[in-house]
Amino acid sequence: MKEDDSYEVHSNTRLFFLLDENHYVYDHVENEDSLHIYIKSKEHGCKCPICGKMSTKLHATYRRKFQDTPIRCKQTFLHANVYKYDCENPDCECKVFMEDLPFDKSLSSADRCSEYINSCRFDVS
């Protein structure tokens, strides 16, 4: 399955409310007591948080794991493949920075849960 196909299949699982246009759910594993959601970034550039210059120069990728609001009364974990970029401005003091993660913002997990519930309301009505 191509990454784009995976995005289409899993976007229908309603997990995409956590994400922006640069991220998608590519897999999930559910067992008796937990749900694991796997997220990837699409290739994209990011602005340096210090100088604001756009960078497409990939420095590294790594994985991060977040615990989120339980779904279906199960512990829920987000596993993200995350990009780090090199700042392309030689005068900037920031040499390497991490991409923004839409699911690691100031919204609390309760706020995200409310957003999800509200998004479901429109499908039912």
PDB file of N, CA and C in Angstrom:
ATOM      1  N   MET A   1       0.839  -1.180   0.000  1.00  0.00           N
ATOM      2  CA  MET A   1       0.000   0.000   0.000  1.00  0.00           C
ATOM      3  C   MET A   1       0.882   1.241   0.000  1.00  0.00           C
ATOM      4  N   LYS A   2       0.604   2.175  -0.885  1.00  0.00           N
ATOM      5  CA  LYS A   2       1.358   3.429  -0.935  1.00  0.00           C
ATOM      6  C   LYS A   2       0.991   4.294   0.258  1.00  0.00           C
ATOM      7  N   GLU A   3       1.883   5.232   0.616  1.00  0.00           N
ATOM      8  CA  GLU A   3       1.610   6.130   1.741  1.00  0.00           C
ATOM      9  C   GLU A   3       0.319   6.909   1.516  1.00  0.00           C
ATOM     10  N   ASP A   4       0.068   7.381   0.272  1.00  0.00           N
ATOM     11  CA  ASP A   4      -1.150   8.147   0.003  1.00  0.00           C
ATOM     12  C   ASP A   4      -2.387   7.299   0.214  1.00  0.00           C
ATOM     13  N   ASP A   5      -2.342   6.007  -0.197  1.00  0.00           N
ATOM     14  CA  ASP A   5      -3.471   5.107   0.020  1.00  0.00           C
ATOM     15  C   ASP A   5      -3.712   4.916   1.502  1.00  0.00           C
ATOM     16  N   SER A   6      -2.623   4.758   2.258  1.00  0.00           N
ATOM     17  CA  SER A   6      -2.734   4.577   3.698  1.00  0.00           C
ATOM     18  C   SER A   6      -3.399   5.790   4.326  1.00  0.00           C
ATOM     19  N   TYR A   7      -3.035   6.970   3.854  1.00  0.00           N
ATOM     20  CA  TYR A   7      -3.638   8.194   4.387  1.00  0.00           C
ATOM     21  C   TYR A   7      -5.148   8.173   4.162  1.00  0.00           C
ATOM     22  N   GLU A   8      -5.566   7.783   2.965  1.00  0.00           N
ATOM     23  CA  GLU A   8      -6.996   7.757   2.657  1.00  0.00           C
ATOM     24  C   GLU A   8      -7.732   6.765   3.546  1.00  0.00           C
ATOM     25  N   VAL A   9      -7.171   5.573   3.697  1.00  0.00           N
ATOM     26  CA  VAL A   9      -7.829   4.540   4.493  1.00  0.00           C
ATOM     27  C   VAL A   9      -7.964   4.985   5.941  1.00  0.00           C
ATOM     28  N   HIS A  10      -6.874   5.468   6.519  1.00  0.00           N
ATOM     29  CA  HIS A  10      -6.907   5.791   7.935  1.00  0.00           C
ATOM     30  C   HIS A  10      -7.522   7.147   8.236  1.00  0.00           C
ATOM     31  N   SER A  11      -7.609   8.025   7.255  1.00  0.00           N
ATOM     32  CA  SER A  11      -8.284   9.287   7.532  1.00  0.00           C
ATOM     33  C   SER A  11      -9.761   9.030   7.797  1.00  0.00           C
ATOM     34  N   ASN A  12     -10.279   7.943   7.268  1.00  0.00           N
ATOM     35  CA  ASN A  12     -11.676   7.592   7.500  1.00  0.00           C
ATOM     36  C   ASN A  12     -11.912   7.030   8.892  1.00  0.00           C
ATOM     37  N   THR A  13     -10.872   6.761   9.649  1.00  0.00           N
ATOM     38  CA  THR A  13     -11.040   6.242  10.995  1.00  0.00           C
ATOM     39  C   THR A  13     -11.325   7.358  11.986  1.00  0.00           C
ATOM     40  N   ARG A  14     -11.371   8.600  11.528  1.00  0.00           N
ATOM     41  CA  ARG A  14     -11.672   9.775  12.333  1.00  0.00           C
ATOM     42  C   ARG A  14     -10.523  10.185  13.253  1.00  0.00           C
ATOM     43  N   LEU A  15      -9.336   9.636  13.060  1.00  0.00           N
ATOM     44  CA  LEU A  15      -8.194  10.016  13.880  1.00  0.00           C
ATOM     45  C   LEU A  15      -7.512  11.252  13.325  1.00  0.00           C
ATOM     46  N   PHE A  16      -7.886  11.641  12.119  1.00  0.00           N
ATOM     47  CA  PHE A  16      -7.212  12.749  11.449  1.00  0.00           C
ATOM     48  C   PHE A  16      -7.524  14.099  12.083  1.00  0.00           C
ATOM     49  N   PHE A  17      -8.488  14.186  12.998  1.00  0.00           N
ATOM     50  CA  PHE A  17      -8.806  15.470  13.615  1.00  0.00           C
ATOM     51  C   PHE A  17      -7.634  16.020  14.410  1.00  0.00           C
ATOM     52  N   LEU A  18      -6.669  15.181  14.752  1.00  0.00           N
ATOM     53  CA  LEU A  18      -5.488  15.614  15.496  1.00  0.00           C
ATOM     54  C   LEU A  18      -4.460  16.293  14.607  1.00  0.00           C
ATOM     55  N   LEU A  19      -4.582  16.108  13.301  1.00  0.00           N
ATOM     56  CA  LEU A  19      -3.479  16.382  12.401  1.00  0.00           C
ATOM     57  C   LEU A  19      -3.725  17.588  11.512  1.00  0.00           C
ATOM     58  N   ASP A  20      -2.644  18.043  10.877  1.00  0.00           N
ATOM     59  CA  ASP A  20      -2.754  19.095   9.871  1.00  0.00           C
ATOM     60  C   ASP A  20      -2.441  18.482   8.510  1.00  0.00           C
ATOM     61  N   GLU A  21      -2.292  19.311   7.492  1.00  0.00           N
ATOM     62  CA  GLU A  21      -2.081  18.806   6.133  1.00  0.00           C
ATOM     63  C   GLU A  21      -0.717  18.146   5.929  1.00  0.00           C
ATOM     64  N   ASN A  22       0.204  18.303   6.862  1.00  0.00           N
ATOM     65  CA  ASN A  22       1.548  17.727   6.725  1.00  0.00           C
ATOM     66  C   ASN A  22       1.732  16.400   7.458  1.00  0.00           C
ATOM     67  N   HIS A  23       0.687  15.904   8.109  1.00  0.00           N
ATOM     68  CA  HIS A  23       0.799  14.677   8.893  1.00  0.00           C
ATOM     69  C   HIS A  23      -0.368  13.752   8.595  1.00  0.00           C
ATOM     70  N   TYR A  24      -0.133  12.451   8.717  1.00  0.00           N
ATOM     71  CA  TYR A  24      -1.210  11.487   8.490  1.00  0.00           C
ATOM     72  C   TYR A  24      -1.010  10.240   9.346  1.00  0.00           C
ATOM     73  N   VAL A  25      -2.100   9.542   9.588  1.00  0.00           N
ATOM     74  CA  VAL A  25      -2.074   8.283  10.314  1.00  0.00           C
ATOM     75  C   VAL A  25      -1.782   7.187   9.296  1.00  0.00           C
ATOM     76  N   TYR A  26      -0.725   6.406   9.538  1.00  0.00           N
ATOM     77  CA  TYR A  26      -0.398   5.329   8.605  1.00  0.00           C
ATOM     78  C   TYR A  26      -0.680   3.949   9.169  1.00  0.00           C
ATOM     79  N   ASP A  27      -0.954   3.858  10.471  1.00  0.00           N
ATOM     80  CA  ASP A  27      -1.289   2.561  11.046  1.00  0.00           C
ATOM     81  C   ASP A  27      -1.875   2.768  12.435  1.00  0.00           C
ATOM     82  N   HIS A  28      -2.537   1.757  12.924  1.00  0.00           N
ATOM     83  CA  HIS A  28      -2.971   1.743  14.316  1.00  0.00           C
ATOM     84  C   HIS A  28      -3.079   0.298  14.769  1.00  0.00           C
ATOM     85  N   VAL A  29      -2.811   0.096  16.053  1.00  0.00           N
ATOM     86  CA  VAL A  29      -2.886  -1.234  16.639  1.00  0.00           C
ATOM     87  C   VAL A  29      -3.718  -1.109  17.903  1.00  0.00           C
ATOM     88  N   GLU A  30      -4.732  -1.946  17.980  1.00  0.00           N
ATOM     89  CA  GLU A  30      -5.615  -1.922  19.144  1.00  0.00           C
ATOM     90  C   GLU A  30      -5.573  -3.296  19.790  1.00  0.00           C
ATOM     91  N   ASN A  31      -5.362  -3.302  21.095  1.00  0.00           N
ATOM     92  CA  ASN A  31      -5.447  -4.564  21.821  1.00  0.00           C
ATOM     93  C   ASN A  31      -6.431  -4.394  22.977  1.00  0.00           C
ATOM     94  N   GLU A  32      -6.435  -5.331  23.875  1.00  0.00           N
ATOM     95  CA  GLU A  32      -7.436  -5.347  24.937  1.00  0.00           C
ATOM     96  C   GLU A  32      -7.456  -4.092  25.805  1.00  0.00           C
ATOM     97  N   ASP A  33      -6.277  -3.520  26.068  1.00  0.00           N
ATOM     98  CA  ASP A  33      -6.243  -2.393  26.989  1.00  0.00           C
ATOM     99  C   ASP A  33      -5.587  -1.129  26.452  1.00  0.00           C
ATOM    100  N   SER A  34      -5.154  -1.128  25.174  1.00  0.00           N
ATOM    101  CA  SER A  34      -4.518   0.076  24.650  1.00  0.00           C
ATOM    102  C   SER A  34      -4.750   0.237  23.149  1.00  0.00           C
ATOM    103  N   LEU A  35      -4.583   1.474  22.714  1.00  0.00           N
ATOM    104  CA  LEU A  35      -4.677   1.830  21.298  1.00  0.00           C
ATOM    105  C   LEU A  35      -3.410   2.599  20.947  1.00  0.00           C
ATOM    106  N   HIS A  36      -2.729   2.167  19.893  1.00  0.00           N
ATOM    107  CA  HIS A  36      -1.506   2.817  19.442  1.00  0.00           C
ATOM    108  C   HIS A  36      -1.753   3.353  18.041  1.00  0.00           C
ATOM    109  N   ILE A  37      -1.574   4.665  17.873  1.00  0.00           N
ATOM    110  CA  ILE A  37      -1.805   5.331  16.603  1.00  0.00           C
ATOM    111  C   ILE A  37      -0.451   5.801  16.078  1.00  0.00           C
ATOM    112  N   TYR A  38      -0.127   5.423  14.837  1.00  0.00           N
ATOM    113  CA  TYR A  38       1.177   5.729  14.247  1.00  0.00           C
ATOM    114  C   TYR A  38       1.023   6.842  13.215  1.00  0.00           C
ATOM    115  N   ILE A  39       1.817   7.900  13.408  1.00  0.00           N
ATOM    116  CA  ILE A  39       1.700   9.115  12.603  1.00  0.00           C
ATOM    117  C   ILE A  39       3.023   9.408  11.909  1.00  0.00           C
ATOM    118  N   LYS A  40       2.927   9.857  10.653  1.00  0.00           N
ATOM    119  CA  LYS A  40       4.109  10.263   9.893  1.00  0.00           C
ATOM    120  C   LYS A  40       3.900  11.674   9.359  1.00  0.00           C
ATOM    121  N   SER A  41       5.016  12.296   9.062  1.00  0.00           N
ATOM    122  CA  SER A  41       4.998  13.579   8.365  1.00  0.00           C
ATOM    123  C   SER A  41       5.128  13.329   6.879  1.00  0.00           C
ATOM    124  N   LYS A  42       4.404  14.121   6.100  1.00  0.00           N
ATOM    125  CA  LYS A  42       4.680  14.169   4.670  1.00  0.00           C
ATOM    126  C   LYS A  42       5.900  15.055   4.532  1.00  0.00           C
ATOM    127  N   GLU A  43       6.681  14.852   3.476  1.00  0.00           N
ATOM    128  CA  GLU A  43       7.843  15.721   3.291  1.00  0.00           C
ATOM    129  C   GLU A  43       7.363  17.149   3.087  1.00  0.00           C
ATOM    130  N   HIS A  44       7.932  18.030   3.837  1.00  0.00           N
ATOM    131  CA  HIS A  44       7.572  19.447   3.744  1.00  0.00           C
ATOM    132  C   HIS A  44       8.699  20.267   4.357  1.00  0.00           C
ATOM    133  N   GLY A  45       8.679  21.536   4.098  1.00  0.00           N
ATOM    134  CA  GLY A  45       9.650  22.423   4.719  1.00  0.00           C
ATOM    135  C   GLY A  45       9.083  22.989   6.004  1.00  0.00           C
ATOM    136  N   CYS A  46       9.947  23.550   6.796  1.00  0.00           N
ATOM    137  CA  CYS A  46       9.533  24.196   8.047  1.00  0.00           C
ATOM    138  C   CYS A  46      10.288  25.504   8.205  1.00  0.00           C
ATOM    139  N   LYS A  47       9.632  26.450   8.874  1.00  0.00           N
ATOM    140  CA  LYS A  47      10.284  27.722   9.177  1.00  0.00           C
ATOM    141  C   LYS A  47      11.112  27.581  10.441  1.00  0.00           C
ATOM    142  N   CYS A  48      12.279  28.162  10.410  1.00  0.00           N
ATOM    143  CA  CYS A  48      13.129  28.195  11.599  1.00  0.00           C
ATOM    144  C   CYS A  48      12.422  29.021  12.669  1.00  0.00           C
ATOM    145  N   PRO A  49      12.354  28.523  13.896  1.00  0.00           N
ATOM    146  CA  PRO A  49      11.665  29.273  14.953  1.00  0.00           C
ATOM    147  C   PRO A  49      12.397  30.544  15.366  1.00  0.00           C
ATOM    148  N   ILE A  50      13.683  30.674  15.022  1.00  0.00           N
ATOM    149  CA  ILE A  50      14.457  31.855  15.403  1.00  0.00           C
ATOM    150  C   ILE A  50      14.440  32.917  14.305  1.00  0.00           C
ATOM    151  N   CYS A  51      14.852  32.545  13.100  1.00  0.00           N
ATOM    152  CA  CYS A  51      14.971  33.561  12.037  1.00  0.00           C
ATOM    153  C   CYS A  51      13.791  33.580  11.063  1.00  0.00           C
ATOM    154  N   GLY A  52      12.982  32.526  11.067  1.00  0.00           N
ATOM    155  CA  GLY A  52      11.812  32.485  10.191  1.00  0.00           C
ATOM    156  C   GLY A  52      12.087  32.022   8.768  1.00  0.00           C
ATOM    157  N   LYS A  53      13.342  31.688   8.452  1.00  0.00           N
ATOM    158  CA  LYS A  53      13.669  31.235   7.089  1.00  0.00           C
ATOM    159  C   LYS A  53      13.149  29.806   6.897  1.00  0.00           C
ATOM    160  N   MET A  54      12.541  29.571   5.732  1.00  0.00           N
ATOM    161  CA  MET A  54      12.030  28.247   5.394  1.00  0.00           C
ATOM    162  C   MET A  54      13.200  27.310   5.096  1.00  0.00           C
ATOM    163  N   SER A  55      13.131  26.092   5.602  1.00  0.00           N
ATOM    164  CA  SER A  55      14.177  25.107   5.364  1.00  0.00           C
ATOM    165  C   SER A  55      13.562  23.814   4.857  1.00  0.00           C
ATOM    166  N   THR A  56      14.203  23.205   3.886  1.00  0.00           N
ATOM    167  CA  THR A  56      13.819  21.879   3.405  1.00  0.00           C
ATOM    168  C   THR A  56      14.975  20.897   3.589  1.00  0.00           C
ATOM    169  N   LYS A  57      16.022  21.351   4.273  1.00  0.00           N
ATOM    170  CA  LYS A  57      17.204  20.522   4.473  1.00  0.00           C
ATOM    171  C   LYS A  57      17.012  19.618   5.699  1.00  0.00           C
ATOM    172  N   LEU A  58      16.720  18.357   5.424  1.00  0.00           N
ATOM    173  CA  LEU A  58      16.452  17.393   6.486  1.00  0.00           C
ATOM    174  C   LEU A  58      17.733  17.056   7.245  1.00  0.00           C
ATOM    175  N   HIS A  59      17.667  17.166   8.565  1.00  0.00           N
ATOM    176  CA  HIS A  59      18.809  16.847   9.421  1.00  0.00           C
ATOM    177  C   HIS A  59      18.717  15.399   9.919  1.00  0.00           C
ATOM    178  N   ALA A  60      17.539  15.012  10.393  1.00  0.00           N
ATOM    179  CA  ALA A  60      17.359  13.669  10.947  1.00  0.00           C
ATOM    180  C   ALA A  60      15.870  13.394  11.139  1.00  0.00           C
ATOM    181  N   THR A  61      15.548  12.150  11.357  1.00  0.00           N
ATOM    182  CA  THR A  61      14.205  11.779  11.782  1.00  0.00           C
ATOM    183  C   THR A  61      14.332  10.996  13.079  1.00  0.00           C
ATOM    184  N   TYR A  62      13.306  11.049  13.875  1.00  0.00           N
ATOM    185  CA  TYR A  62      13.295  10.276  15.106  1.00  0.00           C
ATOM    186  C   TYR A  62      11.857  10.005  15.495  1.00  0.00           C
ATOM    187  N   ARG A  63      11.669   9.167  16.496  1.00  0.00           N
ATOM    188  CA  ARG A  63      10.317   8.818  16.945  1.00  0.00           C
ATOM    189  C   ARG A  63      10.023   9.447  18.298  1.00  0.00           C
ATOM    190  N   ARG A  64       8.777   9.902  18.434  1.00  0.00           N
ATOM    191  CA  ARG A  64       8.302  10.406  19.730  1.00  0.00           C
ATOM    192  C   ARG A  64       7.029   9.671  20.077  1.00  0.00           C
ATOM    193  N   LYS A  65       6.817   9.480  21.356  1.00  0.00           N
ATOM    194  CA  LYS A  65       5.618   8.793  21.837  1.00  0.00           C
ATOM    195  C   LYS A  65       4.902   9.704  22.820  1.00  0.00           C
ATOM    196  N   PHE A  66       3.605   9.895  22.585  1.00  0.00           N
ATOM    197  CA  PHE A  66       2.775  10.740  23.437  1.00  0.00           C
ATOM    198  C   PHE A  66       1.633   9.904  23.987  1.00  0.00           C
ATOM    199  N   GLN A  67       1.309  10.111  25.249  1.00  0.00           N
ATOM    200  CA  GLN A  67       0.096   9.493  25.774  1.00  0.00           C
ATOM    201  C   GLN A  67      -1.022  10.508  25.617  1.00  0.00           C
ATOM    202  N   ASP A  68      -2.173  10.058  25.151  1.00  0.00           N
ATOM    203  CA  ASP A  68      -3.277  10.966  24.888  1.00  0.00           C
ATOM    204  C   ASP A  68      -4.516  10.519  25.647  1.00  0.00           C
ATOM    205  N   THR A  69      -5.598  11.251  25.461  1.00  0.00           N
ATOM    206  CA  THR A  69      -6.870  10.930  26.094  1.00  0.00           C
ATOM    207  C   THR A  69      -7.303   9.521  25.703  1.00  0.00           C
ATOM    208  N   PRO A  70      -7.776   8.745  26.659  1.00  0.00           N
ATOM    209  CA  PRO A  70      -8.236   7.395  26.312  1.00  0.00           C
ATOM    210  C   PRO A  70      -9.351   7.428  25.258  1.00  0.00           C
ATOM    211  N   ILE A  71      -9.282   6.469  24.355  1.00  0.00           N
ATOM    212  CA  ILE A  71     -10.326   6.261  23.348  1.00  0.00           C
ATOM    213  C   ILE A  71     -10.884   4.875  23.589  1.00  0.00           C
ATOM    214  N   ARG A  72     -12.181   4.752  23.641  1.00  0.00           N
ATOM    215  CA  ARG A  72     -12.866   3.479  23.926  1.00  0.00           C
ATOM    216  C   ARG A  72     -12.408   2.894  25.259  1.00  0.00           C
ATOM    217  N   CYS A  73     -12.166   3.760  26.225  1.00  0.00           N
ATOM    218  CA  CYS A  73     -11.727   3.360  27.572  1.00  0.00           C
ATOM    219  C   CYS A  73     -10.382   2.630  27.551  1.00  0.00           C
ATOM    220  N   LYS A  74      -9.561   2.924  26.554  1.00  0.00           N
ATOM    221  CA  LYS A  74      -8.246   2.298  26.450  1.00  0.00           C
ATOM    222  C   LYS A  74      -7.163   3.363  26.491  1.00  0.00           C
ATOM    223  N   GLN A  75      -6.039   3.019  27.120  1.00  0.00           N
ATOM    224  CA  GLN A  75      -4.899   3.928  27.070  1.00  0.00           C
ATOM    225  C   GLN A  75      -4.561   4.166  25.613  1.00  0.00           C
ATOM    226  N   THR A  76      -4.343   5.433  25.258  1.00  0.00           N
ATOM    227  CA  THR A  76      -4.082   5.775  23.865  1.00  0.00           C
ATOM    228  C   THR A  76      -2.711   6.434  23.745  1.00  0.00           C
ATOM    229  N   PHE A  77      -1.938   5.948  22.789  1.00  0.00           N
ATOM    230  CA  PHE A  77      -0.604   6.453  22.551  1.00  0.00           C
ATOM    231  C   PHE A  77      -0.468   6.868  21.095  1.00  0.00           C
ATOM    232  N   LEU A  78       0.156   8.021  20.878  1.00  0.00           N
ATOM    233  CA  LEU A  78       0.488   8.486  19.536  1.00  0.00           C
ATOM    234  C   LEU A  78       1.984   8.261  19.341  1.00  0.00           C
ATOM    235  N   HIS A  79       2.344   7.574  18.280  1.00  0.00           N
ATOM    236  CA  HIS A  79       3.745   7.323  17.936  1.00  0.00           C
ATOM    237  C   HIS A  79       4.024   8.130  16.677  1.00  0.00           C
ATOM    238  N   ALA A  80       4.899   9.095  16.769  1.00  0.00           N
ATOM    239  CA  ALA A  80       5.139   9.997  15.641  1.00  0.00           C
ATOM    240  C   ALA A  80       6.563   9.874  15.113  1.00  0.00           C
ATOM    241  N   ASN A  81       6.673   9.764  13.799  1.00  0.00           N
ATOM    242  CA  ASN A  81       7.964   9.912  13.130  1.00  0.00           C
ATOM    243  C   ASN A  81       8.118  11.396  12.851  1.00  0.00           C
ATOM    244  N   VAL A  82       9.151  12.000  13.403  1.00  0.00           N
ATOM    245  CA  VAL A  82       9.289  13.450  13.386  1.00  0.00           C
ATOM    246  C   VAL A  82      10.565  13.858  12.648  1.00  0.00           C
ATOM    247  N   TYR A  83      10.479  14.971  11.910  1.00  0.00           N
ATOM    248  CA  TYR A  83      11.625  15.513  11.185  1.00  0.00           C
ATOM    249  C   TYR A  83      12.324  16.599  11.991  1.00  0.00           C
ATOM    250  N   LYS A  84      13.653  16.601  11.886  1.00  0.00           N
ATOM    251  CA  LYS A  84      14.462  17.728  12.340  1.00  0.00           C
ATOM    252  C   LYS A  84      15.084  18.334  11.086  1.00  0.00           C
ATOM    253  N   TYR A  85      15.176  19.665  11.063  1.00  0.00           N
ATOM    254  CA  TYR A  85      15.719  20.378   9.910  1.00  0.00           C
ATOM    255  C   TYR A  85      16.930  21.199  10.302  1.00  0.00           C
ATOM    256  N   ASP A  86      17.823  21.409   9.320  1.00  0.00           N
ATOM    257  CA  ASP A  86      18.938  22.337   9.488  1.00  0.00           C
ATOM    258  C   ASP A  86      18.452  23.716   9.059  1.00  0.00           C
ATOM    259  N   CYS A  87      18.763  24.731   9.841  1.00  0.00           N
ATOM    260  CA  CYS A  87      18.459  26.089   9.406  1.00  0.00           C
ATOM    261  C   CYS A  87      19.406  26.428   8.259  1.00  0.00           C
ATOM    262  N   GLU A  88      18.830  26.957   7.186  1.00  0.00           N
ATOM    263  CA  GLU A  88      19.632  27.265   6.001  1.00  0.00           C
ATOM    264  C   GLU A  88      20.163  28.694   5.999  1.00  0.00           C
ATOM    265  N   ASN A  89      19.931  29.412   7.094  1.00  0.00           N
ATOM    266  CA  ASN A  89      20.442  30.767   7.238  1.00  0.00           C
ATOM    267  C   ASN A  89      21.778  30.697   7.995  1.00  0.00           C
ATOM    268  N   PRO A  90      22.889  30.950   7.346  1.00  0.00           N
ATOM    269  CA  PRO A  90      24.194  30.826   8.018  1.00  0.00           C
ATOM    270  C   PRO A  90      24.385  31.813   9.164  1.00  0.00           C
ATOM    271  N   ASP A  91      23.612  32.901   9.189  1.00  0.00           N
ATOM    272  CA  ASP A  91      23.740  33.891  10.252  1.00  0.00           C
ATOM    273  C   ASP A  91      22.851  33.594  11.462  1.00  0.00           C
ATOM    274  N   CYS A  92      22.022  32.571  11.375  1.00  0.00           N
ATOM    275  CA  CYS A  92      21.088  32.254  12.463  1.00  0.00           C
ATOM    276  C   CYS A  92      21.802  31.467  13.558  1.00  0.00           C
ATOM    277  N   GLU A  93      21.439  31.750  14.806  1.00  0.00           N
ATOM    278  CA  GLU A  93      22.037  31.029  15.932  1.00  0.00           C
ATOM    279  C   GLU A  93      21.450  29.625  16.096  1.00  0.00           C
ATOM    280  N   CYS A  94      20.298  29.373  15.488  1.00  0.00           N
ATOM    281  CA  CYS A  94      19.666  28.057  15.557  1.00  0.00           C
ATOM    282  C   CYS A  94      20.197  27.197  14.417  1.00  0.00           C
ATOM    283  N   LYS A  95      20.833  26.106  14.740  1.00  0.00           N
ATOM    284  CA  LYS A  95      21.410  25.253  13.691  1.00  0.00           C
ATOM    285  C   LYS A  95      20.453  24.134  13.288  1.00  0.00           C
ATOM    286  N   VAL A  96      19.767  23.530  14.265  1.00  0.00           N
ATOM    287  CA  VAL A  96      18.851  22.422  14.018  1.00  0.00           C
ATOM    288  C   VAL A  96      17.562  22.692  14.786  1.00  0.00           C
ATOM    289  N   PHE A  97      16.418  22.421  14.154  1.00  0.00           N
ATOM    290  CA  PHE A  97      15.137  22.590  14.833  1.00  0.00           C
ATOM    291  C   PHE A  97      14.174  21.486  14.426  1.00  0.00           C
ATOM    292  N   MET A  98      13.177  21.273  15.251  1.00  0.00           N
ATOM    293  CA  MET A  98      12.195  20.223  15.032  1.00  0.00           C
ATOM    294  C   MET A  98      10.941  20.804  14.391  1.00  0.00           C
ATOM    295  N   GLU A  99      10.294  20.016  13.551  1.00  0.00           N
ATOM    296  CA  GLU A  99       9.038  20.460  12.953  1.00  0.00           C
ATOM    297  C   GLU A  99       7.963  20.634  14.021  1.00  0.00           C
ATOM    298  N   ASP A 100       6.984  21.470  13.732  1.00  0.00           N
ATOM    299  CA  ASP A 100       5.837  21.623  14.627  1.00  0.00           C
ATOM    300  C   ASP A 100       4.962  20.384  14.537  1.00  0.00           C
ATOM    301  N   LEU A 101       4.456  19.953  15.681  1.00  0.00           N
ATOM    302  CA  LEU A 101       3.548  18.818  15.722  1.00  0.00           C
ATOM    303  C   LEU A 101       2.169  19.321  16.155  1.00  0.00           C
ATOM    304  N   PRO A 102       1.166  19.178  15.309  1.00  0.00           N
ATOM    305  CA  PRO A 102      -0.155  19.728  15.625  1.00  0.00           C
ATOM    306  C   PRO A 102      -0.799  19.063  16.841  1.00  0.00           C
ATOM    307  N   PHE A 103      -0.411  17.852  17.146  1.00  0.00           N
ATOM    308  CA  PHE A 103      -0.994  17.131  18.283  1.00  0.00           C
ATOM    309  C   PHE A 103      -0.191  17.330  19.555  1.00  0.00           C
ATOM    310  N   ASP A 104       0.841  18.157  19.501  1.00  0.00           N
ATOM    311  CA  ASP A 104       1.660  18.455  20.681  1.00  0.00           C
ATOM    312  C   ASP A 104       1.625  19.961  20.940  1.00  0.00           C
ATOM    313  N   LYS A 105       0.476  20.546  20.769  1.00  0.00           N
ATOM    314  CA  LYS A 105       0.314  21.990  20.936  1.00  0.00           C
ATOM    315  C   LYS A 105      -0.256  22.299  22.313  1.00  0.00           C
ATOM    316  N   SER A 106      -0.695  23.514  22.459  1.00  0.00           N
ATOM    317  CA  SER A 106      -1.203  23.954  23.746  1.00  0.00           C
ATOM    318  C   SER A 106      -2.566  23.356  24.086  1.00  0.00           C
ATOM    319  N   LEU A 107      -3.250  22.766  23.110  1.00  0.00           N
ATOM    320  CA  LEU A 107      -4.531  22.135  23.421  1.00  0.00           C
ATOM    321  C   LEU A 107      -4.314  20.983  24.392  1.00  0.00           C
ATOM    322  N   SER A 108      -5.095  20.957  25.440  1.00  0.00           N
ATOM    323  CA  SER A 108      -5.010  19.820  26.344  1.00  0.00           C
ATOM    324  C   SER A 108      -5.690  18.628  25.693  1.00  0.00           C
ATOM    325  N   SER A 109      -5.439  17.441  26.210  1.00  0.00           N
ATOM    326  CA  SER A 109      -6.089  16.268  25.639  1.00  0.00           C
ATOM    327  C   SER A 109      -7.598  16.355  25.824  1.00  0.00           C
ATOM    328  N   ALA A 110      -8.081  17.020  26.874  1.00  0.00           N
ATOM    329  CA  ALA A 110      -9.522  17.200  27.042  1.00  0.00           C
ATOM    330  C   ALA A 110     -10.096  18.092  25.945  1.00  0.00           C
ATOM    331  N   ASP A 111      -9.347  19.136  25.558  1.00  0.00           N
ATOM    332  CA  ASP A 111      -9.795  20.010  24.471  1.00  0.00           C
ATOM    333  C   ASP A 111      -9.834  19.252  23.147  1.00  0.00           C
ATOM    334  N   ARG A 112      -8.825  18.410  22.902  1.00  0.00           N
ATOM    335  CA  ARG A 112      -8.816  17.618  21.674  1.00  0.00           C
ATOM    336  C   ARG A 112      -9.975  16.644  21.666  1.00  0.00           C
ATOM    337  N   CYS A 113     -10.285  16.080  22.824  1.00  0.00           N
ATOM    338  CA  CYS A 113     -11.407  15.158  22.932  1.00  0.00           C
ATOM    339  C   CYS A 113     -12.709  15.890  22.600  1.00  0.00           C
ATOM    340  N   SER A 114     -12.857  17.115  23.102  1.00  0.00           N
ATOM    341  CA  SER A 114     -14.046  17.915  22.793  1.00  0.00           C
ATOM    342  C   SER A 114     -14.138  18.207  21.304  1.00  0.00           C
ATOM    343  N   GLU A 115     -13.002  18.528  20.675  1.00  0.00           N
ATOM    344  CA  GLU A 115     -12.989  18.766  19.223  1.00  0.00           C
ATOM    345  C   GLU A 115     -13.463  17.533  18.477  1.00  0.00           C
ATOM    346  N   TYR A 116     -13.002  16.364  18.910  1.00  0.00           N
ATOM    347  CA  TYR A 116     -13.381  15.115  18.258  1.00  0.00           C
ATOM    348  C   TYR A 116     -14.886  14.876  18.410  1.00  0.00           C
ATOM    349  N   ILE A 117     -15.395  15.059  19.601  1.00  0.00           N
ATOM    350  CA  ILE A 117     -16.832  14.854  19.848  1.00  0.00           C
ATOM    351  C   ILE A 117     -17.649  15.810  18.993  1.00  0.00           C
ATOM    352  N   ASN A 118     -17.228  17.059  18.918  1.00  0.00           N
ATOM    353  CA  ASN A 118     -17.931  18.031  18.079  1.00  0.00           C
ATOM    354  C   ASN A 118     -17.887  17.638  16.614  1.00  0.00           C
ATOM    355  N   SER A 119     -16.766  17.101  16.139  1.00  0.00           N
ATOM    356  CA  SER A 119     -16.673  16.695  14.730  1.00  0.00           C
ATOM    357  C   SER A 119     -17.608  15.527  14.456  1.00  0.00           C
ATOM    358  N   CYS A 120     -17.818  14.664  15.427  1.00  0.00           N
ATOM    359  CA  CYS A 120     -18.737  13.531  15.265  1.00  0.00           C
ATOM    360  C   CYS A 120     -20.190  14.005  15.220  1.00  0.00           C
ATOM    361  N   ARG A 121     -20.502  15.036  15.952  1.00  0.00           N
ATOM    362  CA  ARG A 121     -21.867  15.566  16.007  1.00  0.00           C
ATOM    363  C   ARG A 121     -22.383  15.926  14.631  1.00  0.00           C
ATOM    364  N   PHE A 122     -21.532  16.502  13.793  1.00  0.00           N
ATOM    365  CA  PHE A 122     -21.971  16.943  12.485  1.00  0.00           C
ATOM    366  C   PHE A 122     -22.295  15.770  11.564  1.00  0.00           C
ATOM    367  N   ASP A 123     -21.631  14.636  11.744  1.00  0.00           N
ATOM    368  CA  ASP A 123     -21.914  13.473  10.936  1.00  0.00           C
ATOM    369  C   ASP A 123     -23.225  12.810  11.329  1.00  0.00           C
ATOM    370  N   VAL A 124     -23.589  12.912  12.585  1.00  0.00           N
ATOM    371  CA  VAL A 124     -24.807  12.281  13.078  1.00  0.00           C
ATOM    372  C   VAL A 124     -26.039  13.100  12.754  1.00  0.00           C
ATOM    373  N   SER A 125     -25.878  14.431  12.760  1.00  0.00           N
ATOM    374  CA  SER A 125     -27.052  15.291  12.545  1.00  0.00           C
ATOM    375  C   SER A 125     -27.445  15.384  11.090  1.00  0.00           C
TER     376      SER A 125
END
